[in-house]
């Protein structure tokens, strides 16, 4: 009888141990995805268009602070890339202001990409460097200038017809004398509101032919 009771107790203890092990295995499995998941990384841009003399500013946002630094590369539209730039990540959101403004001698007009890698996660974003004076100096086509307005100016301020596309950019024509108006605007001789009204009027009257 004692043997049976002792055997019963042993079986009961063994069953409890098995149940405990099963619970621990299930609990560990539930935790593994969150513990070992690759943290996410994102580059947040306040704006995606910059001009010369402006400074690049963006925020690196991560889902987890791992203690590792983020590494970024800035490349141009030809594929030419900067050296690796390590950036410490002490917080979930990390504002990154540039100390050096864009200069024409270093940065040509065009698209740029910011590639980032952080604790195994990768992401990329893009911005564009434009120069309105390039159009005035005949270094930018009429179509590129209108396309820049279409992309980067609020549609409620200047409305560009929907028919503009990459194929007809070279067919867009702007009279030479309109460059004087743009020059006045760049030199602050007319306000943003006056400039937008003039450009919209010229588009509506098809003086700017799109």
N, C-alpha and C. Protein backbone atom coordinates (compact mmCIF):
# COMPACT_ATOMS: atom_id res chain seq x y z
N UNK A 1 0.83 -1.21 0.00
CA UNK A 1 0.00 0.00 0.00
C UNK A 1 0.87 1.26 0.00
N UNK A 2 1.89 1.23 0.85
CA UNK A 2 2.82 2.37 0.90
C UNK A 2 3.52 2.55 -0.44
N UNK A 3 3.84 1.41 -1.06
CA UNK A 3 4.51 1.47 -2.36
C UNK A 3 3.63 2.15 -3.40
N UNK A 4 2.33 1.80 -3.37
CA UNK A 4 1.39 2.40 -4.32
C UNK A 4 1.26 3.90 -4.10
N UNK A 5 1.19 4.30 -2.80
CA UNK A 5 1.06 5.74 -2.48
C UNK A 5 2.32 6.49 -2.91
N UNK A 6 3.47 5.86 -2.64
CA UNK A 6 4.73 6.50 -3.01
C UNK A 6 4.84 6.63 -4.53
N UNK A 7 4.42 5.59 -5.23
CA UNK A 7 4.44 5.62 -6.68
C UNK A 7 3.49 6.67 -7.23
N UNK A 8 2.33 6.80 -6.58
CA UNK A 8 1.33 7.80 -7.00
C UNK A 8 1.88 9.22 -6.82
N UNK A 9 2.55 9.46 -5.68
CA UNK A 9 3.14 10.78 -5.43
C UNK A 9 4.22 11.11 -6.46
N UNK A 10 5.03 10.08 -6.76
CA UNK A 10 6.10 10.28 -7.73
C UNK A 10 5.53 10.65 -9.09
N UNK A 11 4.44 9.95 -9.47
CA UNK A 11 3.79 10.23 -10.75
C UNK A 11 3.21 11.64 -10.76
N UNK A 12 2.65 12.05 -9.61
CA UNK A 12 2.04 13.38 -9.51
C UNK A 12 3.10 14.48 -9.66
N UNK A 13 4.26 14.26 -8.99
CA UNK A 13 5.36 15.23 -9.08
C UNK A 13 5.89 15.30 -10.51
N UNK A 14 6.03 14.14 -11.13
CA UNK A 14 6.54 14.08 -12.51
C UNK A 14 5.60 14.79 -13.47
N UNK A 15 4.27 14.59 -13.25
CA UNK A 15 3.28 15.25 -14.09
C UNK A 15 3.37 16.77 -13.96
N UNK A 16 3.53 17.24 -12.71
CA UNK A 16 3.66 18.68 -12.48
C UNK A 16 4.91 19.23 -13.16
N UNK A 17 6.01 18.48 -13.08
CA UNK A 17 7.25 18.92 -13.72
C UNK A 17 7.08 19.03 -15.24
N UNK A 18 6.38 18.03 -15.82
CA UNK A 18 6.14 18.05 -17.27
C UNK A 18 5.28 19.25 -17.66
N UNK A 19 4.24 19.50 -16.85
CA UNK A 19 3.37 20.64 -17.14
C UNK A 19 4.14 21.95 -17.04
N UNK A 20 5.03 22.05 -16.02
CA UNK A 20 5.82 23.27 -15.84
C UNK A 20 6.75 23.49 -17.04
N UNK A 21 7.38 22.40 -17.50
CA UNK A 21 8.28 22.49 -18.65
C UNK A 21 7.51 22.93 -19.89
N UNK A 22 6.31 22.38 -20.09
CA UNK A 22 5.49 22.73 -21.24
C UNK A 22 5.11 24.21 -21.22
N UNK A 23 4.75 24.69 -20.02
CA UNK A 23 4.38 26.10 -19.88
C UNK A 23 5.57 26.99 -20.20
N UNK A 24 6.76 26.61 -19.71
CA UNK A 24 7.96 27.41 -19.96
C UNK A 24 8.31 27.42 -21.45
N UNK A 25 8.16 26.27 -22.11
CA UNK A 25 8.46 26.20 -23.54
C UNK A 25 7.52 27.08 -24.34
N UNK A 26 6.21 27.01 -24.01
CA UNK A 26 5.22 27.82 -24.72
C UNK A 26 5.47 29.30 -24.48
N UNK A 27 5.78 29.68 -23.23
CA UNK A 27 6.03 31.07 -22.89
C UNK A 27 7.27 31.60 -23.61
N UNK A 28 8.33 30.76 -23.66
CA UNK A 28 9.56 31.16 -24.34
C UNK A 28 9.33 31.33 -25.83
N UNK A 29 8.54 30.43 -26.41
CA UNK A 29 8.25 30.52 -27.84
C UNK A 29 7.48 31.78 -28.16
N UNK A 30 6.60 32.17 -27.25
CA UNK A 30 5.82 33.39 -27.47
C UNK A 30 6.70 34.63 -27.40
N UNK A 31 7.75 34.57 -26.58
CA UNK A 31 8.63 35.72 -26.43
C UNK A 31 9.68 35.82 -27.53
N UNK A 32 10.06 34.70 -28.10
CA UNK A 32 11.16 34.70 -29.07
C UNK A 32 10.98 35.68 -30.23
N UNK A 33 9.80 35.76 -30.89
CA UNK A 33 9.66 36.69 -32.03
C UNK A 33 9.93 38.12 -31.66
N UNK A 34 9.47 38.55 -30.46
CA UNK A 34 9.66 39.95 -30.08
C UNK A 34 11.08 40.22 -29.62
N UNK A 35 11.73 39.18 -29.01
CA UNK A 35 13.08 39.38 -28.50
C UNK A 35 14.08 39.45 -29.65
N UNK A 36 13.90 38.56 -30.64
CA UNK A 36 14.88 38.44 -31.69
C UNK A 36 14.46 39.09 -33.02
N UNK A 37 13.31 39.75 -33.04
CA UNK A 37 12.87 40.41 -34.27
C UNK A 37 13.80 41.57 -34.61
N UNK A 38 14.02 41.78 -35.90
CA UNK A 38 14.85 42.89 -36.35
C UNK A 38 14.11 44.20 -36.12
N UNK A 39 14.71 45.16 -35.42
CA UNK A 39 14.03 46.44 -35.20
C UNK A 39 13.84 47.18 -36.52
N UNK A 40 12.79 47.97 -36.59
CA UNK A 40 12.55 48.74 -37.82
C UNK A 40 13.25 50.09 -37.74
N UNK A 41 13.57 50.66 -38.90
CA UNK A 41 14.21 51.97 -38.96
C UNK A 41 13.57 52.75 -40.11
N UNK A 42 13.38 54.04 -39.89
CA UNK A 42 12.73 54.88 -40.89
C UNK A 42 13.35 56.27 -40.86
N UNK A 43 13.42 56.90 -42.03
CA UNK A 43 13.92 58.28 -42.12
C UNK A 43 12.74 59.20 -42.38
N UNK A 44 12.48 60.12 -41.48
CA UNK A 44 11.36 61.05 -41.61
C UNK A 44 11.89 62.39 -42.10
N UNK A 45 11.31 62.88 -43.21
CA UNK A 45 11.73 64.15 -43.79
C UNK A 45 10.62 65.19 -43.59
N UNK A 46 10.99 66.37 -43.08
CA UNK A 46 10.02 67.46 -42.97
C UNK A 46 9.68 68.02 -44.34
N UNK A 47 10.62 67.98 -45.25
CA UNK A 47 10.38 68.37 -46.63
C UNK A 47 11.33 67.59 -47.52
N UNK A 48 10.98 67.46 -48.79
CA UNK A 48 11.79 66.65 -49.70
C UNK A 48 12.42 67.49 -50.81
N UNK A 49 12.32 68.80 -50.69
CA UNK A 49 12.94 69.69 -51.67
C UNK A 49 13.82 70.71 -50.95
N UNK A 50 15.05 70.84 -51.40
CA UNK A 50 15.98 71.78 -50.80
C UNK A 50 16.60 72.65 -51.88
N UNK A 51 17.05 73.83 -51.48
CA UNK A 51 17.73 74.74 -52.39
C UNK A 51 19.12 75.01 -51.84
N UNK A 52 19.96 75.60 -52.66
CA UNK A 52 21.30 75.94 -52.20
C UNK A 52 21.23 76.90 -51.02
N UNK A 53 22.18 76.73 -50.12
CA UNK A 53 22.30 77.50 -48.86
C UNK A 53 21.39 76.95 -47.77
N UNK A 54 20.48 76.01 -48.10
CA UNK A 54 19.69 75.36 -47.07
C UNK A 54 20.45 74.16 -46.53
N UNK A 55 20.07 73.73 -45.32
CA UNK A 55 20.73 72.58 -44.69
C UNK A 55 19.78 71.39 -44.65
N UNK A 56 20.33 70.22 -44.90
CA UNK A 56 19.55 68.99 -44.85
C UNK A 56 19.15 68.70 -43.40
N UNK A 57 17.88 68.32 -43.21
CA UNK A 57 17.40 67.97 -41.87
C UNK A 57 16.45 66.79 -41.98
N UNK A 58 16.66 65.79 -41.15
CA UNK A 58 15.77 64.63 -41.14
C UNK A 58 15.81 64.00 -39.74
N UNK A 59 14.89 63.07 -39.50
CA UNK A 59 14.82 62.36 -38.22
C UNK A 59 14.90 60.87 -38.45
N UNK A 60 15.76 60.20 -37.70
CA UNK A 60 15.84 58.73 -37.75
C UNK A 60 14.93 58.17 -36.66
N UNK A 61 13.96 57.39 -37.07
CA UNK A 61 13.02 56.79 -36.12
C UNK A 61 13.22 55.27 -36.10
N UNK A 62 13.39 54.72 -34.90
CA UNK A 62 13.58 53.28 -34.75
C UNK A 62 12.53 52.71 -33.81
N UNK A 63 12.29 51.42 -33.93
CA UNK A 63 11.30 50.77 -33.05
C UNK A 63 11.92 50.31 -31.74
N UNK A 64 13.25 50.29 -31.71
CA UNK A 64 13.94 49.77 -30.52
C UNK A 64 15.35 50.34 -30.46
N UNK A 65 15.78 50.74 -29.27
CA UNK A 65 17.14 51.23 -29.07
C UNK A 65 18.01 50.03 -28.71
N UNK A 66 18.91 49.65 -29.61
CA UNK A 66 19.73 48.45 -29.41
C UNK A 66 21.12 48.76 -28.88
N UNK A 67 21.49 50.03 -28.89
CA UNK A 67 22.85 50.38 -28.49
C UNK A 67 23.80 50.48 -29.66
N UNK A 68 23.35 50.04 -30.84
CA UNK A 68 24.17 50.16 -32.04
C UNK A 68 23.95 51.51 -32.71
N UNK A 69 24.91 51.90 -33.51
CA UNK A 69 24.78 53.13 -34.30
C UNK A 69 24.11 52.81 -35.63
N UNK A 70 23.42 53.78 -36.18
CA UNK A 70 22.91 53.66 -37.54
C UNK A 70 24.02 54.09 -38.49
N UNK A 71 24.03 53.52 -39.67
CA UNK A 71 25.02 53.89 -40.68
C UNK A 71 24.27 54.37 -41.92
N UNK A 72 24.58 55.58 -42.37
CA UNK A 72 23.91 56.12 -43.55
C UNK A 72 24.91 56.38 -44.68
N UNK A 73 24.38 56.32 -45.89
CA UNK A 73 25.11 56.74 -47.09
C UNK A 73 24.20 57.69 -47.85
N UNK A 74 24.75 58.77 -48.37
CA UNK A 74 23.99 59.68 -49.22
C UNK A 74 24.53 59.52 -50.64
N UNK A 75 23.65 59.14 -51.57
CA UNK A 75 24.08 58.92 -52.96
C UNK A 75 23.26 59.81 -53.89
N UNK A 76 23.85 60.14 -55.01
CA UNK A 76 23.16 60.98 -56.00
C UNK A 76 22.49 60.10 -57.04
N UNK A 77 21.84 60.72 -58.01
CA UNK A 77 21.05 59.97 -58.99
C UNK A 77 21.92 59.17 -59.97
N UNK A 78 23.22 59.44 -59.97
CA UNK A 78 24.13 58.65 -60.82
C UNK A 78 24.63 57.41 -60.10
N UNK A 79 24.33 57.30 -58.81
CA UNK A 79 24.77 56.14 -58.04
C UNK A 79 26.01 56.41 -57.20
N UNK A 80 26.62 57.59 -57.36
CA UNK A 80 27.80 57.94 -56.56
C UNK A 80 27.39 58.12 -55.11
N UNK A 81 28.11 57.45 -54.21
CA UNK A 81 27.71 57.42 -52.80
C UNK A 81 28.78 58.01 -51.90
N UNK A 82 28.36 58.55 -50.77
CA UNK A 82 29.29 59.08 -49.78
C UNK A 82 29.90 57.92 -48.99
N UNK A 83 30.90 58.22 -48.20
CA UNK A 83 31.45 57.23 -47.28
C UNK A 83 30.41 56.93 -46.20
N UNK A 84 30.58 55.81 -45.52
CA UNK A 84 29.65 55.44 -44.44
C UNK A 84 29.71 56.48 -43.32
N UNK A 85 28.54 56.91 -42.87
CA UNK A 85 28.45 57.91 -41.80
C UNK A 85 27.75 57.27 -40.60
N UNK A 86 28.49 56.95 -39.52
CA UNK A 86 27.85 56.36 -38.33
C UNK A 86 27.14 57.42 -37.50
N UNK A 87 25.94 57.10 -37.05
CA UNK A 87 25.15 58.04 -36.25
C UNK A 87 24.64 57.33 -35.00
N UNK A 88 24.99 57.80 -33.81
CA UNK A 88 24.49 57.18 -32.58
C UNK A 88 22.96 57.28 -32.49
N UNK A 89 22.33 56.24 -31.96
CA UNK A 89 20.87 56.21 -31.84
C UNK A 89 20.51 56.02 -30.36
N UNK A 90 20.43 57.12 -29.58
CA UNK A 90 20.11 56.99 -28.16
C UNK A 90 18.61 56.96 -27.87
N UNK A 91 17.80 57.39 -28.84
CA UNK A 91 16.35 57.50 -28.61
C UNK A 91 15.58 56.86 -29.76
N UNK A 92 14.27 56.70 -29.57
CA UNK A 92 13.43 56.15 -30.63
C UNK A 92 13.33 57.13 -31.80
N UNK A 93 13.36 58.43 -31.51
CA UNK A 93 13.37 59.46 -32.54
C UNK A 93 14.62 60.32 -32.37
N UNK A 94 15.39 60.44 -33.45
CA UNK A 94 16.68 61.11 -33.36
C UNK A 94 16.81 62.16 -34.47
N UNK A 95 16.59 63.44 -34.16
CA UNK A 95 16.73 64.50 -35.17
C UNK A 95 18.19 64.62 -35.61
N UNK A 96 18.40 64.72 -36.93
CA UNK A 96 19.75 64.80 -37.48
C UNK A 96 19.87 66.06 -38.33
N UNK A 97 20.34 67.16 -37.75
CA UNK A 97 20.53 68.38 -38.55
C UNK A 97 21.93 68.39 -39.16
N UNK A 98 22.00 68.81 -40.42
CA UNK A 98 23.30 68.94 -41.07
C UNK A 98 23.94 70.26 -40.66
N UNK A 99 25.24 70.25 -40.48
CA UNK A 99 25.96 71.47 -40.09
C UNK A 99 26.42 72.26 -41.31
N UNK A 100 26.38 71.62 -42.49
CA UNK A 100 26.90 72.26 -43.71
C UNK A 100 25.77 72.45 -44.71
N UNK A 101 25.56 73.66 -45.23
CA UNK A 101 24.51 73.88 -46.23
C UNK A 101 24.89 73.32 -47.58
N UNK A 102 23.90 73.12 -48.43
CA UNK A 102 24.16 72.67 -49.80
C UNK A 102 24.89 73.77 -50.56
N UNK A 103 25.95 73.39 -51.25
CA UNK A 103 26.71 74.33 -52.07
C UNK A 103 26.80 73.80 -53.50
N UNK A 104 26.67 74.71 -54.46
CA UNK A 104 26.65 74.31 -55.87
C UNK A 104 27.95 73.64 -56.29
N UNK A 105 29.07 74.01 -55.66
CA UNK A 105 30.36 73.44 -56.02
C UNK A 105 30.47 71.97 -55.63
N UNK A 106 29.66 71.56 -54.65
CA UNK A 106 29.74 70.18 -54.14
C UNK A 106 28.54 69.34 -54.57
N UNK A 107 27.35 69.94 -54.53
CA UNK A 107 26.13 69.20 -54.81
C UNK A 107 25.46 69.72 -56.08
N UNK A 108 25.48 68.96 -57.16
CA UNK A 108 24.75 69.38 -58.36
C UNK A 108 23.24 69.23 -58.17
N UNK A 109 22.48 69.97 -58.95
CA UNK A 109 21.02 69.86 -58.89
C UNK A 109 20.60 68.45 -59.28
N UNK A 110 19.57 67.93 -58.59
CA UNK A 110 19.07 66.60 -58.93
C UNK A 110 18.56 65.85 -57.72
N UNK A 111 18.26 64.57 -57.91
CA UNK A 111 17.74 63.73 -56.83
C UNK A 111 18.88 63.13 -56.02
N UNK A 112 18.62 62.99 -54.72
CA UNK A 112 19.56 62.34 -53.80
C UNK A 112 18.81 61.32 -52.96
N UNK A 113 19.54 60.32 -52.50
CA UNK A 113 18.94 59.25 -51.70
C UNK A 113 19.72 59.08 -50.40
N UNK A 114 19.00 58.86 -49.31
CA UNK A 114 19.62 58.55 -48.03
C UNK A 114 19.35 57.09 -47.73
N UNK A 115 20.39 56.28 -47.69
CA UNK A 115 20.28 54.85 -47.36
C UNK A 115 20.72 54.66 -45.92
N UNK A 116 19.96 53.89 -45.15
CA UNK A 116 20.28 53.70 -43.75
C UNK A 116 20.23 52.22 -43.39
N UNK A 117 21.13 51.83 -42.49
CA UNK A 117 21.14 50.46 -41.96
C UNK A 117 21.29 50.55 -40.45
N UNK A 118 20.44 49.79 -39.74
CA UNK A 118 20.46 49.86 -38.28
C UNK A 118 20.09 48.49 -37.70
N UNK A 119 21.02 47.87 -37.03
CA UNK A 119 20.79 46.57 -36.37
C UNK A 119 20.15 45.55 -37.31
N UNK A 120 20.61 45.51 -38.54
CA UNK A 120 20.11 44.55 -39.51
C UNK A 120 18.96 45.05 -40.36
N UNK A 121 18.34 46.16 -39.97
CA UNK A 121 17.23 46.73 -40.74
C UNK A 121 17.76 47.76 -41.73
N UNK A 122 17.13 47.85 -42.89
CA UNK A 122 17.55 48.80 -43.92
C UNK A 122 16.35 49.60 -44.41
N UNK A 123 16.61 50.81 -44.83
CA UNK A 123 15.55 51.65 -45.38
C UNK A 123 16.21 52.73 -46.25
N UNK A 124 15.39 53.43 -47.00
CA UNK A 124 15.90 54.47 -47.89
C UNK A 124 14.83 55.52 -48.13
N UNK A 125 15.25 56.75 -48.34
CA UNK A 125 14.33 57.82 -48.72
C UNK A 125 15.05 58.74 -49.69
N UNK A 126 14.31 59.67 -50.29
CA UNK A 126 14.93 60.54 -51.28
C UNK A 126 14.52 61.99 -51.08
N UNK A 127 15.34 62.88 -51.61
CA UNK A 127 15.01 64.30 -51.63
C UNK A 127 15.57 64.89 -52.92
N UNK A 128 15.17 66.11 -53.24
CA UNK A 128 15.63 66.74 -54.47
C UNK A 128 16.23 68.10 -54.18
N UNK A 129 17.32 68.37 -54.83
CA UNK A 129 17.99 69.67 -54.73
C UNK A 129 17.70 70.44 -56.00
N UNK A 130 17.08 71.61 -55.84
CA UNK A 130 16.72 72.41 -57.01
C UNK A 130 17.36 73.80 -56.90
N UNK A 131 17.42 74.46 -58.02
CA UNK A 131 17.97 75.81 -58.08
C UNK A 131 17.18 76.61 -59.10
N UNK A 132 16.30 77.47 -58.62
CA UNK A 132 15.45 78.24 -59.53
C UNK A 132 16.26 79.14 -60.44
N UNK A 133 17.42 79.60 -59.99
CA UNK A 133 18.26 80.46 -60.82
C UNK A 133 18.79 79.72 -62.04
N UNK A 134 18.86 78.38 -61.94
CA UNK A 134 19.34 77.59 -63.08
C UNK A 134 18.44 77.77 -64.29
N UNK A 135 17.14 77.88 -64.05
CA UNK A 135 16.20 78.08 -65.16
C UNK A 135 16.39 79.47 -65.76
N UNK A 136 16.57 80.46 -64.90
CA UNK A 136 16.77 81.82 -65.39
C UNK A 136 18.03 81.91 -66.23
N UNK A 137 19.05 81.15 -65.86
CA UNK A 137 20.32 81.18 -66.58
C UNK A 137 20.39 80.15 -67.70
N UNK A 138 19.22 79.64 -68.10
CA UNK A 138 19.12 78.67 -69.21
C UNK A 138 19.88 77.36 -68.95
N UNK A 139 20.01 76.99 -67.67
CA UNK A 139 20.64 75.72 -67.32
C UNK A 139 19.60 74.66 -66.97
N UNK A 140 18.32 75.05 -67.05
CA UNK A 140 17.23 74.13 -66.75
C UNK A 140 16.14 74.37 -67.78
N UNK A 141 15.54 73.30 -68.29
CA UNK A 141 14.51 73.45 -69.33
C UNK A 141 13.22 74.02 -68.74
N UNK A 142 12.37 74.58 -69.61
CA UNK A 142 11.07 75.10 -69.18
C UNK A 142 10.24 73.98 -68.54
N UNK A 143 10.31 72.80 -69.16
CA UNK A 143 9.53 71.68 -68.66
C UNK A 143 9.95 71.26 -67.27
N UNK A 144 11.27 71.23 -67.01
CA UNK A 144 11.76 70.86 -65.69
C UNK A 144 11.31 71.87 -64.65
N UNK A 145 11.32 73.15 -65.03
CA UNK A 145 10.90 74.20 -64.09
C UNK A 145 9.42 74.04 -63.72
N UNK A 146 8.56 73.80 -64.73
CA UNK A 146 7.13 73.61 -64.47
C UNK A 146 6.90 72.33 -63.68
N UNK A 147 7.66 71.29 -63.99
CA UNK A 147 7.53 70.02 -63.27
C UNK A 147 7.90 70.20 -61.80
N UNK A 148 8.91 71.02 -61.52
CA UNK A 148 9.30 71.30 -60.13
C UNK A 148 8.17 72.01 -59.40
N UNK A 149 7.53 72.99 -60.06
CA UNK A 149 6.38 73.68 -59.46
C UNK A 149 5.26 72.68 -59.20
N UNK A 150 5.02 71.81 -60.17
CA UNK A 150 3.94 70.83 -60.05
C UNK A 150 4.16 69.89 -58.87
N UNK A 151 5.41 69.52 -58.62
CA UNK A 151 5.71 68.54 -57.58
C UNK A 151 5.81 69.16 -56.19
N UNK A 152 6.33 70.39 -56.12
CA UNK A 152 6.70 70.90 -54.82
C UNK A 152 5.91 72.12 -54.35
N UNK A 153 5.01 72.63 -55.17
CA UNK A 153 4.18 73.76 -54.75
C UNK A 153 2.77 73.25 -54.47
N UNK A 154 2.18 73.73 -53.39
CA UNK A 154 0.82 73.32 -53.01
C UNK A 154 -0.13 73.52 -54.18
N UNK A 155 -0.91 72.48 -54.48
CA UNK A 155 -1.85 72.52 -55.61
C UNK A 155 -2.92 73.59 -55.43
N UNK A 156 -3.17 73.99 -54.18
CA UNK A 156 -4.15 75.04 -53.94
C UNK A 156 -3.59 76.44 -54.25
N UNK A 157 -2.27 76.51 -54.40
CA UNK A 157 -1.64 77.79 -54.70
C UNK A 157 -1.44 77.95 -56.21
N UNK A 158 -0.83 76.92 -56.82
CA UNK A 158 -0.65 76.91 -58.27
C UNK A 158 -1.10 75.55 -58.79
N UNK A 159 -2.10 75.57 -59.66
CA UNK A 159 -2.63 74.33 -60.21
C UNK A 159 -2.10 74.11 -61.62
N UNK A 160 -1.37 73.01 -61.78
CA UNK A 160 -0.79 72.65 -63.09
C UNK A 160 -1.73 71.65 -63.77
N UNK A 161 -2.03 71.80 -65.06
CA UNK A 161 -2.89 70.83 -65.75
C UNK A 161 -2.36 69.41 -65.63
N UNK A 162 -3.29 68.44 -65.53
CA UNK A 162 -2.92 67.04 -65.32
C UNK A 162 -2.17 66.44 -66.50
N UNK A 163 -2.23 67.09 -67.65
CA UNK A 163 -1.61 66.48 -68.84
C UNK A 163 -0.09 66.54 -68.84
N UNK A 164 0.52 67.21 -67.86
CA UNK A 164 1.97 67.26 -67.81
C UNK A 164 2.51 65.88 -67.45
N UNK A 165 3.54 65.42 -68.15
CA UNK A 165 4.17 64.14 -67.87
C UNK A 165 5.60 64.17 -68.40
N UNK A 166 6.32 63.09 -68.14
CA UNK A 166 7.72 63.03 -68.53
C UNK A 166 7.92 63.14 -70.04
N UNK A 167 6.93 62.66 -70.80
CA UNK A 167 7.07 62.63 -72.26
C UNK A 167 6.95 64.02 -72.89
N UNK A 168 6.15 64.91 -72.26
CA UNK A 168 5.95 66.21 -72.89
C UNK A 168 6.71 67.35 -72.19
N UNK A 169 7.62 67.00 -71.28
CA UNK A 169 8.37 68.03 -70.57
C UNK A 169 9.15 68.93 -71.53
N UNK A 170 9.72 68.32 -72.57
CA UNK A 170 10.53 69.10 -73.50
C UNK A 170 9.68 69.96 -74.44
N UNK A 171 8.35 69.71 -74.46
CA UNK A 171 7.46 70.47 -75.34
C UNK A 171 6.88 71.71 -74.65
N UNK A 172 7.10 71.81 -73.34
CA UNK A 172 6.55 72.94 -72.59
C UNK A 172 7.33 74.22 -72.93
N UNK A 173 6.59 75.28 -73.17
CA UNK A 173 7.23 76.54 -73.56
C UNK A 173 6.81 77.67 -72.64
N UNK A 174 7.79 78.41 -72.16
CA UNK A 174 7.55 79.58 -71.32
C UNK A 174 8.23 80.78 -71.97
N UNK A 175 7.50 81.85 -72.25
CA UNK A 175 8.13 83.04 -72.86
C UNK A 175 9.30 83.56 -72.01
N UNK A 176 10.32 84.04 -72.68
CA UNK A 176 11.53 84.48 -72.00
C UNK A 176 11.27 85.59 -71.00
N UNK A 177 10.31 86.48 -71.31
CA UNK A 177 10.09 87.62 -70.43
C UNK A 177 9.57 87.21 -69.06
N UNK A 178 9.02 85.99 -68.94
CA UNK A 178 8.50 85.53 -67.64
C UNK A 178 9.64 85.31 -66.65
N UNK A 179 10.85 85.12 -67.17
CA UNK A 179 12.00 84.94 -66.28
C UNK A 179 12.23 86.19 -65.44
N UNK A 180 11.84 87.34 -65.98
CA UNK A 180 11.96 88.57 -65.19
C UNK A 180 11.10 88.50 -63.94
N UNK A 181 9.89 87.95 -64.09
CA UNK A 181 8.97 87.83 -62.95
C UNK A 181 9.55 86.89 -61.90
N UNK A 182 10.08 85.75 -62.38
CA UNK A 182 10.68 84.80 -61.45
C UNK A 182 11.87 85.43 -60.74
N UNK A 183 12.66 86.21 -61.48
CA UNK A 183 13.80 86.90 -60.88
C UNK A 183 13.37 87.87 -59.80
N UNK A 184 12.29 88.61 -60.05
CA UNK A 184 11.78 89.54 -59.03
C UNK A 184 11.37 88.79 -57.77
N UNK A 185 10.75 87.63 -58.00
CA UNK A 185 10.29 86.82 -56.84
C UNK A 185 11.49 86.31 -56.04
N UNK A 186 12.52 85.82 -56.73
CA UNK A 186 13.69 85.30 -56.04
C UNK A 186 14.44 86.40 -55.29
N UNK A 187 14.33 87.62 -55.78
CA UNK A 187 14.99 88.76 -55.13
C UNK A 187 14.07 89.46 -54.14
N UNK A 188 12.91 88.83 -53.86
CA UNK A 188 11.93 89.36 -52.88
C UNK A 188 11.36 90.72 -53.29
N UNK A 189 11.33 90.97 -54.59
CA UNK A 189 10.72 92.22 -55.07
C UNK A 189 9.21 92.07 -55.21
N UNK A 190 8.73 90.84 -55.33
CA UNK A 190 7.29 90.56 -55.27
C UNK A 190 7.08 89.42 -54.28
N UNK A 191 5.87 89.38 -53.69
CA UNK A 191 5.59 88.39 -52.65
C UNK A 191 5.30 87.01 -53.25
N UNK A 192 5.27 86.00 -52.39
CA UNK A 192 4.92 84.64 -52.83
C UNK A 192 3.52 84.63 -53.44
N UNK A 193 2.63 85.37 -52.81
CA UNK A 193 1.23 85.40 -53.29
C UNK A 193 1.15 86.05 -54.68
N UNK A 194 1.87 87.15 -54.86
CA UNK A 194 1.86 87.83 -56.17
C UNK A 194 2.46 86.93 -57.25
N UNK A 195 3.55 86.25 -56.89
CA UNK A 195 4.20 85.35 -57.85
C UNK A 195 3.27 84.21 -58.25
N UNK A 196 2.62 83.58 -57.27
CA UNK A 196 1.73 82.45 -57.57
C UNK A 196 0.54 82.90 -58.42
N UNK A 197 0.01 84.10 -58.16
CA UNK A 197 -1.12 84.61 -58.94
C UNK A 197 -0.70 84.86 -60.40
N UNK A 198 0.49 85.41 -60.59
CA UNK A 198 0.97 85.67 -61.94
C UNK A 198 1.16 84.36 -62.70
N UNK A 199 1.83 83.39 -62.08
CA UNK A 199 2.08 82.10 -62.74
C UNK A 199 0.77 81.40 -63.06
N UNK A 200 -0.18 81.42 -62.13
CA UNK A 200 -1.46 80.76 -62.37
C UNK A 200 -2.22 81.45 -63.51
N UNK A 201 -2.17 82.77 -63.56
CA UNK A 201 -2.83 83.52 -64.64
C UNK A 201 -2.23 83.16 -65.99
N UNK A 202 -0.90 83.08 -66.04
CA UNK A 202 -0.22 82.77 -67.30
C UNK A 202 -0.53 81.34 -67.77
N UNK A 203 -0.69 80.43 -66.82
CA UNK A 203 -1.06 79.05 -67.17
C UNK A 203 -2.49 79.00 -67.68
N UNK A 204 -3.38 79.68 -66.95
CA UNK A 204 -4.80 79.67 -67.33
C UNK A 204 -5.01 80.28 -68.72
N UNK A 205 -4.24 81.32 -69.05
CA UNK A 205 -4.37 82.00 -70.34
C UNK A 205 -3.53 81.31 -71.42
N UNK A 206 -2.88 80.21 -71.04
CA UNK A 206 -2.05 79.43 -71.95
C UNK A 206 -0.90 80.24 -72.56
N UNK A 207 -0.48 81.25 -71.80
CA UNK A 207 0.74 81.97 -72.18
C UNK A 207 1.94 81.06 -71.87
N UNK A 208 1.83 80.36 -70.74
CA UNK A 208 2.73 79.23 -70.49
C UNK A 208 2.07 78.03 -71.12
N UNK A 209 2.63 77.51 -72.17
CA UNK A 209 2.00 76.44 -72.94
C UNK A 209 2.43 75.08 -72.41
N UNK A 210 1.45 74.33 -71.94
CA UNK A 210 1.70 72.98 -71.42
C UNK A 210 0.98 71.97 -72.30
